[in-house]
Amino acid sequence: MKTIFGTRRLLRVFSPLWWRHRNTANLASLQDVMKLPEKKRRSVVSPLEDLEKLLSLDVDRTNFRVFDPTIEEIVEAEKYFRSAGKHVIDYLTSAVRMDHVPELQQPEVCFIGRSNVGKSSLIKALFALCPGVEVRVSKNPGHTKKLNFFKVGKAFTLVDMPGYGYRAPEDFVEMVEEYIQERHNLKRTFLLVDGTIGIQKADLIAVEMCEEFGIPYVNPQQLRHI
């Protein structure tokens, strides 16, 4: 396998871009980003674009931006993750078995992945503009032990799932697989993979499960169609 970047050079270039991206959390919202000059705005929204200049000329870039929304589209999407008026975002309930799962009418989306892959952290980031919504995160694998439901107004419900693999709950199969297979209003499953180590055997098993159950899940090729 060809090495695209020299490791030291990659870290030297990537680190400032990463911290510049992390520091955008100080901004109130993407509406504030829209007020920035165009060059600065692109550096905030797409901090890794500058890395493409370091790619070998023969590297195929076709799939680099399978999900490449405009800033305007991102700002519009942000409205779903900000409480306003009757659009209330809040923690709803937790469940350890299917008979504890609330009966809801709105569509649901869920996040699955290995233990400690960052599911809860991603949800916490999505709700960053809703400080009253508590999403518990931990560096310890297996922290999430229940199905946690978060109501996003009347638009949809977001479900945080226990992770599979290391320190997964003993009843993971009964809890998670049963929910994914039987939940009729589950409209999309997002499978999170740790980019630092790539797809592991447990991730492939999760993909096979979604395929076997006929569950609509998101892979990079599908992102452009959402």
C-alpha atoms as a PDB file:
ATOM      1  CA  MET A   1       0.000   0.000   0.000  1.00  0.00           C
ATOM      2  CA  LYS A   2       1.412   3.365  -1.013  1.00  0.00           C
ATOM      3  CA  THR A   3       1.998   5.934   1.709  1.00  0.00           C
ATOM      4  CA  ILE A   4       0.333   9.156   0.605  1.00  0.00           C
ATOM      5  CA  PHE A   5       1.770  11.389   3.325  1.00  0.00           C
ATOM      6  CA  GLY A   6       5.017  11.290   5.223  1.00  0.00           C
ATOM      7  CA  THR A   7       3.984  10.734   8.838  1.00  0.00           C
ATOM      8  CA  ARG A   8       5.897  13.630  10.358  1.00  0.00           C
ATOM      9  CA  ARG A   9       4.854  16.003   7.614  1.00  0.00           C
ATOM     10  CA  LEU A  10       1.237  14.951   8.000  1.00  0.00           C
ATOM     11  CA  LEU A  11       1.275  15.617  11.739  1.00  0.00           C
ATOM     12  CA  ARG A  12       2.995  18.964  11.243  1.00  0.00           C
ATOM     13  CA  VAL A  13       0.316  20.086   8.769  1.00  0.00           C
ATOM     14  CA  PHE A  14      -2.662  18.376  10.323  1.00  0.00           C
ATOM     15  CA  SER A  15      -2.224  19.535  13.935  1.00  0.00           C
ATOM     16  CA  PRO A  16      -2.850  23.260  13.402  1.00  0.00           C
ATOM     17  CA  LEU A  17      -5.768  22.464  11.116  1.00  0.00           C
ATOM     18  CA  TRP A  18      -7.245  20.157  13.736  1.00  0.00           C
ATOM     19  CA  TRP A  19      -6.998  22.720  16.497  1.00  0.00           C
ATOM     20  CA  ARG A  20      -8.363  25.423  14.244  1.00  0.00           C
ATOM     21  CA  HIS A  21     -11.330  23.126  13.622  1.00  0.00           C
ATOM     22  CA  ARG A  22     -11.753  22.381  17.349  1.00  0.00           C
ATOM     23  CA  ASN A  23     -11.620  26.075  18.212  1.00  0.00           C
ATOM     24  CA  THR A  24     -14.698  26.721  16.084  1.00  0.00           C
ATOM     25  CA  ALA A  25     -16.665  25.384  19.061  1.00  0.00           C
ATOM     26  CA  ASN A  26     -16.236  28.885  20.488  1.00  0.00           C
ATOM     27  CA  LEU A  27     -18.547  30.194  17.763  1.00  0.00           C
ATOM     28  CA  ALA A  28     -22.201  30.426  18.752  1.00  0.00           C
ATOM     29  CA  SER A  29     -23.420  28.743  15.573  1.00  0.00           C
ATOM     30  CA  LEU A  30     -22.847  28.369  11.855  1.00  0.00           C
ATOM     31  CA  GLN A  31     -24.867  31.519  11.360  1.00  0.00           C
ATOM     32  CA  ASP A  32     -21.888  33.315  12.887  1.00  0.00           C
ATOM     33  CA  VAL A  33     -19.562  31.485  10.504  1.00  0.00           C
ATOM     34  CA  MET A  34     -21.521  32.917   7.594  1.00  0.00           C
ATOM     35  CA  LYS A  35     -20.463  36.409   8.705  1.00  0.00           C
ATOM     36  CA  LEU A  36     -16.759  35.587   8.292  1.00  0.00           C
ATOM     37  CA  PRO A  37     -14.764  36.466   5.139  1.00  0.00           C
ATOM     38  CA  GLU A  38     -14.985  33.709   2.531  1.00  0.00           C
ATOM     39  CA  LYS A  39     -11.422  32.408   2.991  1.00  0.00           C
ATOM     40  CA  LYS A  40     -11.797  32.201   6.751  1.00  0.00           C
ATOM     41  CA  ARG A  41     -15.255  30.685   6.392  1.00  0.00           C
ATOM     42  CA  ARG A  42     -13.967  27.832   4.235  1.00  0.00           C
ATOM     43  CA  SER A  43     -11.103  27.162   6.636  1.00  0.00           C
ATOM     44  CA  VAL A  44     -13.617  26.747   9.463  1.00  0.00           C
ATOM     45  CA  VAL A  45     -16.128  24.583   7.604  1.00  0.00           C
ATOM     46  CA  SER A  46     -13.611  22.534   5.565  1.00  0.00           C
ATOM     47  CA  PRO A  47     -10.368  22.584   7.588  1.00  0.00           C
ATOM     48  CA  LEU A  48      -8.823  19.631   5.747  1.00  0.00           C
ATOM     49  CA  GLU A  49      -9.024  21.034   2.223  1.00  0.00           C
ATOM     50  CA  ASP A  50      -5.478  22.379   2.469  1.00  0.00           C
ATOM     51  CA  LEU A  51      -4.199  18.820   2.928  1.00  0.00           C
ATOM     52  CA  GLU A  52      -5.224  17.934  -0.617  1.00  0.00           C
ATOM     53  CA  LYS A  53      -2.341  20.044  -1.901  1.00  0.00           C
ATOM     54  CA  LEU A  54       0.041  17.458  -0.433  1.00  0.00           C
ATOM     55  CA  LEU A  55      -1.496  14.490  -2.242  1.00  0.00           C
ATOM     56  CA  SER A  56       0.384  12.668  -4.962  1.00  0.00           C
ATOM     57  CA  LEU A  57      -0.840  13.637  -8.410  1.00  0.00           C
ATOM     58  CA  ASP A  58      -1.867  10.057  -9.223  1.00  0.00           C
ATOM     59  CA  VAL A  59      -4.143   9.698  -6.168  1.00  0.00           C
ATOM     60  CA  ASP A  60      -7.783   9.171  -7.122  1.00  0.00           C
ATOM     61  CA  ARG A  61      -9.796  11.890  -5.352  1.00  0.00           C
ATOM     62  CA  THR A  62     -13.208  10.780  -6.634  1.00  0.00           C
ATOM     63  CA  ASN A  63     -14.535   9.642  -3.253  1.00  0.00           C
ATOM     64  CA  PHE A  64     -12.893  12.297  -1.116  1.00  0.00           C
ATOM     65  CA  ARG A  65     -16.022  14.437  -0.955  1.00  0.00           C
ATOM     66  CA  VAL A  66     -18.949  12.080  -1.200  1.00  0.00           C
ATOM     67  CA  PHE A  67     -20.646  14.288   1.390  1.00  0.00           C
ATOM     68  CA  ASP A  68     -19.964  17.908   0.481  1.00  0.00           C
ATOM     69  CA  PRO A  69     -22.917  20.150   1.413  1.00  0.00           C
ATOM     70  CA  THR A  70     -22.775  23.887   0.864  1.00  0.00           C
ATOM     71  CA  ILE A  71     -22.425  26.186   3.858  1.00  0.00           C
ATOM     72  CA  GLU A  72     -25.986  27.362   3.236  1.00  0.00           C
ATOM     73  CA  GLU A  73     -27.230  23.773   3.446  1.00  0.00           C
ATOM     74  CA  ILE A  74     -25.343  23.235   6.704  1.00  0.00           C
ATOM     75  CA  VAL A  75     -26.854  26.398   8.183  1.00  0.00           C
ATOM     76  CA  GLU A  76     -30.319  25.185   7.183  1.00  0.00           C
ATOM     77  CA  ALA A  77     -29.678  21.765   8.753  1.00  0.00           C
ATOM     78  CA  GLU A  78     -28.484  23.437  11.949  1.00  0.00           C
ATOM     79  CA  LYS A  79     -32.031  24.644  12.596  1.00  0.00           C
ATOM     80  CA  TYR A  80     -33.026  21.073  13.452  1.00  0.00           C
ATOM     81  CA  PHE A  81     -30.481  21.008  16.295  1.00  0.00           C
ATOM     82  CA  ARG A  82     -31.440  24.295  17.929  1.00  0.00           C
ATOM     83  CA  SER A  83     -34.413  24.567  20.273  1.00  0.00           C
ATOM     84  CA  ALA A  84     -36.725  27.376  19.203  1.00  0.00           C
ATOM     85  CA  GLY A  85     -40.414  27.958  19.932  1.00  0.00           C
ATOM     86  CA  LYS A  86     -42.315  24.703  19.620  1.00  0.00           C
ATOM     87  CA  HIS A  87     -39.228  22.909  18.278  1.00  0.00           C
ATOM     88  CA  VAL A  88     -37.965  21.510  21.579  1.00  0.00           C
ATOM     89  CA  ILE A  89     -34.896  19.296  21.829  1.00  0.00           C
ATOM     90  CA  ASP A  90     -34.541  17.237  24.996  1.00  0.00           C
ATOM     91  CA  TYR A  91     -33.648  13.891  26.495  1.00  0.00           C
ATOM     92  CA  LEU A  92     -36.754  11.699  26.422  1.00  0.00           C
ATOM     93  CA  THR A  93     -36.079   8.369  28.128  1.00  0.00           C
ATOM     94  CA  SER A  94     -33.844   5.294  28.309  1.00  0.00           C
ATOM     95  CA  ALA A  95     -34.611   1.640  27.811  1.00  0.00           C
ATOM     96  CA  VAL A  96     -32.853  -1.653  28.488  1.00  0.00           C
ATOM     97  CA  ARG A  97     -35.354  -3.892  26.684  1.00  0.00           C
ATOM     98  CA  MET A  98     -37.793  -3.555  23.822  1.00  0.00           C
ATOM     99  CA  ASP A  99     -40.748  -3.609  26.205  1.00  0.00           C
ATOM    100  CA  HIS A 100     -39.275  -0.457  27.814  1.00  0.00           C
ATOM    101  CA  VAL A 101     -38.909   1.401  24.512  1.00  0.00           C
ATOM    102  CA  PRO A 102     -41.363   4.317  24.186  1.00  0.00           C
ATOM    103  CA  GLU A 103     -44.021   4.193  21.496  1.00  0.00           C
ATOM    104  CA  LEU A 104     -43.385   7.182  19.257  1.00  0.00           C
ATOM    105  CA  GLN A 105     -44.811   8.330  15.954  1.00  0.00           C
ATOM    106  CA  GLN A 106     -41.944  10.386  14.550  1.00  0.00           C
ATOM    107  CA  PRO A 107     -39.110   8.686  12.631  1.00  0.00           C
ATOM    108  CA  GLU A 108     -36.008   7.555  14.476  1.00  0.00           C
ATOM    109  CA  VAL A 109     -32.325   7.480  13.596  1.00  0.00           C
ATOM    110  CA  CYS A 110     -29.726   5.641  15.646  1.00  0.00           C
ATOM    111  CA  PHE A 111     -25.953   5.523  15.998  1.00  0.00           C
ATOM    112  CA  ILE A 112     -24.180   2.196  16.349  1.00  0.00           C
ATOM    113  CA  GLY A 113     -20.493   1.332  16.541  1.00  0.00           C
ATOM    114  CA  ARG A 114     -17.788  -0.231  18.657  1.00  0.00           C
ATOM    115  CA  SER A 115     -17.478   0.690  22.322  1.00  0.00           C
ATOM    116  CA  ASN A 116     -15.800   4.071  22.759  1.00  0.00           C
ATOM    117  CA  VAL A 117     -15.926   4.927  19.041  1.00  0.00           C
ATOM    118  CA  GLY A 118     -17.535   8.283  19.886  1.00  0.00           C
ATOM    119  CA  LYS A 119     -21.286   7.828  19.450  1.00  0.00           C
ATOM    120  CA  SER A 120     -22.240   9.798  22.557  1.00  0.00           C
ATOM    121  CA  SER A 121     -19.609  12.441  21.813  1.00  0.00           C
ATOM    122  CA  LEU A 122     -21.031  12.919  18.318  1.00  0.00           C
ATOM    123  CA  ILE A 123     -24.547  13.329  19.710  1.00  0.00           C
ATOM    124  CA  LYS A 124     -23.243  15.790  22.298  1.00  0.00           C
ATOM    125  CA  ALA A 125     -21.664  17.790  19.461  1.00  0.00           C
ATOM    126  CA  LEU A 126     -24.912  17.753  17.480  1.00  0.00           C
ATOM    127  CA  PHE A 127     -26.695  19.200  20.515  1.00  0.00           C
ATOM    128  CA  ALA A 128     -23.963  21.763  21.226  1.00  0.00           C
ATOM    129  CA  LEU A 129     -26.435  24.627  20.765  1.00  0.00           C
ATOM    130  CA  CYS A 130     -28.764  23.065  23.345  1.00  0.00           C
ATOM    131  CA  PRO A 131     -26.783  23.300  26.611  1.00  0.00           C
ATOM    132  CA  GLY A 132     -29.778  22.094  28.589  1.00  0.00           C
ATOM    133  CA  VAL A 133     -29.642  18.670  26.912  1.00  0.00           C
ATOM    134  CA  GLU A 134     -27.411  16.360  28.932  1.00  0.00           C
ATOM    135  CA  VAL A 135     -25.539  13.728  26.928  1.00  0.00           C
ATOM    136  CA  ARG A 136     -23.236  11.722  29.159  1.00  0.00           C
ATOM    137  CA  VAL A 137     -19.882  10.818  27.635  1.00  0.00           C
ATOM    138  CA  SER A 138     -16.910   8.920  29.004  1.00  0.00           C
ATOM    139  CA  LYS A 139     -13.422   7.877  27.924  1.00  0.00           C
ATOM    140  CA  ASN A 140     -14.102   4.438  29.351  1.00  0.00           C
ATOM    141  CA  PRO A 141     -15.401   1.859  26.835  1.00  0.00           C
ATOM    142  CA  GLY A 142     -18.862   0.496  27.521  1.00  0.00           C
ATOM    143  CA  HIS A 143     -20.130   3.599  29.333  1.00  0.00           C
ATOM    144  CA  THR A 144     -23.486   3.589  27.532  1.00  0.00           C
ATOM    145  CA  LYS A 145     -25.530   0.660  28.836  1.00  0.00           C
ATOM    146  CA  LYS A 146     -29.015   1.599  27.622  1.00  0.00           C
ATOM    147  CA  LEU A 147     -30.853   2.846  24.558  1.00  0.00           C
ATOM    148  CA  ASN A 148     -31.008   6.604  25.116  1.00  0.00           C
ATOM    149  CA  PHE A 149     -33.741   8.532  23.280  1.00  0.00           C
ATOM    150  CA  PHE A 150     -33.467  12.232  22.450  1.00  0.00           C
ATOM    151  CA  LYS A 151     -36.448  14.053  20.978  1.00  0.00           C
ATOM    152  CA  VAL A 152     -35.608  16.530  18.212  1.00  0.00           C
ATOM    153  CA  GLY A 153     -38.854  18.476  18.159  1.00  0.00           C
ATOM    154  CA  LYS A 154     -41.474  16.758  16.027  1.00  0.00           C
ATOM    155  CA  ALA A 155     -38.911  16.061  13.312  1.00  0.00           C
ATOM    156  CA  PHE A 156     -37.339  12.845  14.585  1.00  0.00           C
ATOM    157  CA  THR A 157     -35.920  11.010  17.584  1.00  0.00           C
ATOM    158  CA  LEU A 158     -32.206  10.317  17.893  1.00  0.00           C
ATOM    159  CA  VAL A 159     -31.159   7.109  19.648  1.00  0.00           C
ATOM    160  CA  ASP A 160     -27.770   6.544  21.262  1.00  0.00           C
ATOM    161  CA  MET A 161     -26.936   2.836  21.383  1.00  0.00           C
ATOM    162  CA  PRO A 162     -24.579   0.798  23.581  1.00  0.00           C
ATOM    163  CA  GLY A 163     -21.387  -0.088  21.758  1.00  0.00           C
ATOM    164  CA  TYR A 164     -20.458  -3.569  20.597  1.00  0.00           C
ATOM    165  CA  GLY A 165     -17.144  -5.279  21.236  1.00  0.00           C
ATOM    166  CA  TYR A 166     -15.068  -4.565  24.343  1.00  0.00           C
ATOM    167  CA  ARG A 167     -17.160  -4.155  27.524  1.00  0.00           C
ATOM    168  CA  ALA A 168     -20.437  -4.355  25.613  1.00  0.00           C
ATOM    169  CA  PRO A 169     -23.506  -5.003  27.797  1.00  0.00           C
ATOM    170  CA  GLU A 170     -24.179  -8.699  28.389  1.00  0.00           C
ATOM    171  CA  ASP A 171     -27.632  -8.309  26.889  1.00  0.00           C
ATOM    172  CA  PHE A 172     -26.372  -6.367  23.838  1.00  0.00           C
ATOM    173  CA  VAL A 173     -27.888  -8.812  21.339  1.00  0.00           C
ATOM    174  CA  GLU A 174     -31.304  -8.808  22.989  1.00  0.00           C
ATOM    175  CA  MET A 175     -31.241  -5.043  23.434  1.00  0.00           C
ATOM    176  CA  VAL A 176     -29.699  -3.634  20.262  1.00  0.00           C
ATOM    177  CA  GLU A 177     -30.293  -6.264  17.594  1.00  0.00           C
ATOM    178  CA  GLU A 178     -33.919  -6.654  18.618  1.00  0.00           C
ATOM    179  CA  TYR A 179     -34.432  -2.881  18.436  1.00  0.00           C
ATOM    180  CA  ILE A 180     -32.780  -2.591  15.010  1.00  0.00           C
ATOM    181  CA  GLN A 181     -34.702  -5.538  13.616  1.00  0.00           C
ATOM    182  CA  GLU A 182     -38.146  -4.763  15.032  1.00  0.00           C
ATOM    183  CA  ARG A 183     -38.381  -0.970  15.348  1.00  0.00           C
ATOM    184  CA  HIS A 184     -40.754   0.018  12.557  1.00  0.00           C
ATOM    185  CA  ASN A 185     -40.122   3.758  12.713  1.00  0.00           C
ATOM    186  CA  LEU A 186     -36.320   3.361  12.587  1.00  0.00           C
ATOM    187  CA  LYS A 187     -35.568   5.071   9.281  1.00  0.00           C
ATOM    188  CA  ARG A 188     -31.780   5.287   9.261  1.00  0.00           C
ATOM    189  CA  THR A 189     -28.858   3.680  11.079  1.00  0.00           C
ATOM    190  CA  PHE A 190     -25.493   5.421  11.200  1.00  0.00           C
ATOM    191  CA  LEU A 191     -22.579   3.021  11.626  1.00  0.00           C
ATOM    192  CA  LEU A 192     -19.592   4.826  13.154  1.00  0.00           C
ATOM    193  CA  VAL A 193     -16.064   3.557  12.491  1.00  0.00           C
ATOM    194  CA  ASP A 194     -12.861   4.711  14.178  1.00  0.00           C
ATOM    195  CA  GLY A 195     -10.858   6.304  11.368  1.00  0.00           C
ATOM    196  CA  THR A 196      -7.574   5.873  13.248  1.00  0.00           C
ATOM    197  CA  ILE A 197      -7.737   2.071  13.112  1.00  0.00           C
ATOM    198  CA  GLY A 198     -10.146   1.464  10.235  1.00  0.00           C
ATOM    199  CA  ILE A 199     -12.851  -1.156   9.868  1.00  0.00           C
ATOM    200  CA  GLN A 200     -12.492  -4.028  12.321  1.00  0.00           C
ATOM    201  CA  LYS A 201     -14.020  -7.500  12.340  1.00  0.00           C
ATOM    202  CA  ALA A 202     -16.756  -6.368  14.720  1.00  0.00           C
ATOM    203  CA  ASP A 203     -17.669  -3.553  12.300  1.00  0.00           C
ATOM    204  CA  LEU A 204     -18.003  -6.026   9.442  1.00  0.00           C
ATOM    205  CA  ILE A 205     -20.308  -8.127  11.588  1.00  0.00           C
ATOM    206  CA  ALA A 206     -22.425  -5.012  12.214  1.00  0.00           C
ATOM    207  CA  VAL A 207     -22.599  -4.366   8.458  1.00  0.00           C
ATOM    208  CA  GLU A 208     -23.644  -7.979   7.857  1.00  0.00           C
ATOM    209  CA  MET A 209     -26.342  -7.595  10.509  1.00  0.00           C
ATOM    210  CA  CYS A 210     -27.782  -4.516   8.806  1.00  0.00           C
ATOM    211  CA  GLU A 211     -27.670  -6.291   5.448  1.00  0.00           C
ATOM    212  CA  GLU A 212     -29.324  -9.408   6.862  1.00  0.00           C
ATOM    213  CA  PHE A 213     -32.114  -7.432   8.520  1.00  0.00           C
ATOM    214  CA  GLY A 214     -32.574  -5.179   5.491  1.00  0.00           C
ATOM    215  CA  ILE A 215     -31.893  -2.121   7.662  1.00  0.00           C
ATOM    216  CA  PRO A 216     -31.202   1.157   5.839  1.00  0.00           C
ATOM    217  CA  TYR A 217     -27.771   2.199   7.078  1.00  0.00           C
ATOM    218  CA  VAL A 218     -25.377   4.902   5.978  1.00  0.00           C
ATOM    219  CA  ASN A 219     -22.104   4.207   4.192  1.00  0.00           C
ATOM    220  CA  PRO A 220     -19.958   6.829   2.398  1.00  0.00           C
ATOM    221  CA  GLN A 221     -21.638   6.212  -0.967  1.00  0.00           C
ATOM    222  CA  GLN A 222     -25.067   6.906   0.546  1.00  0.00           C
ATOM    223  CA  LEU A 223     -24.112  10.180   2.214  1.00  0.00           C
ATOM    224  CA  ARG A 224     -24.507  12.147  -0.995  1.00  0.00           C
ATOM    225  CA  HIS A 225     -28.180  11.095  -1.196  1.00  0.00           C
ATOM    226  CA  ILE A 226     -29.284  12.021   2.330  1.00  0.00           C
END
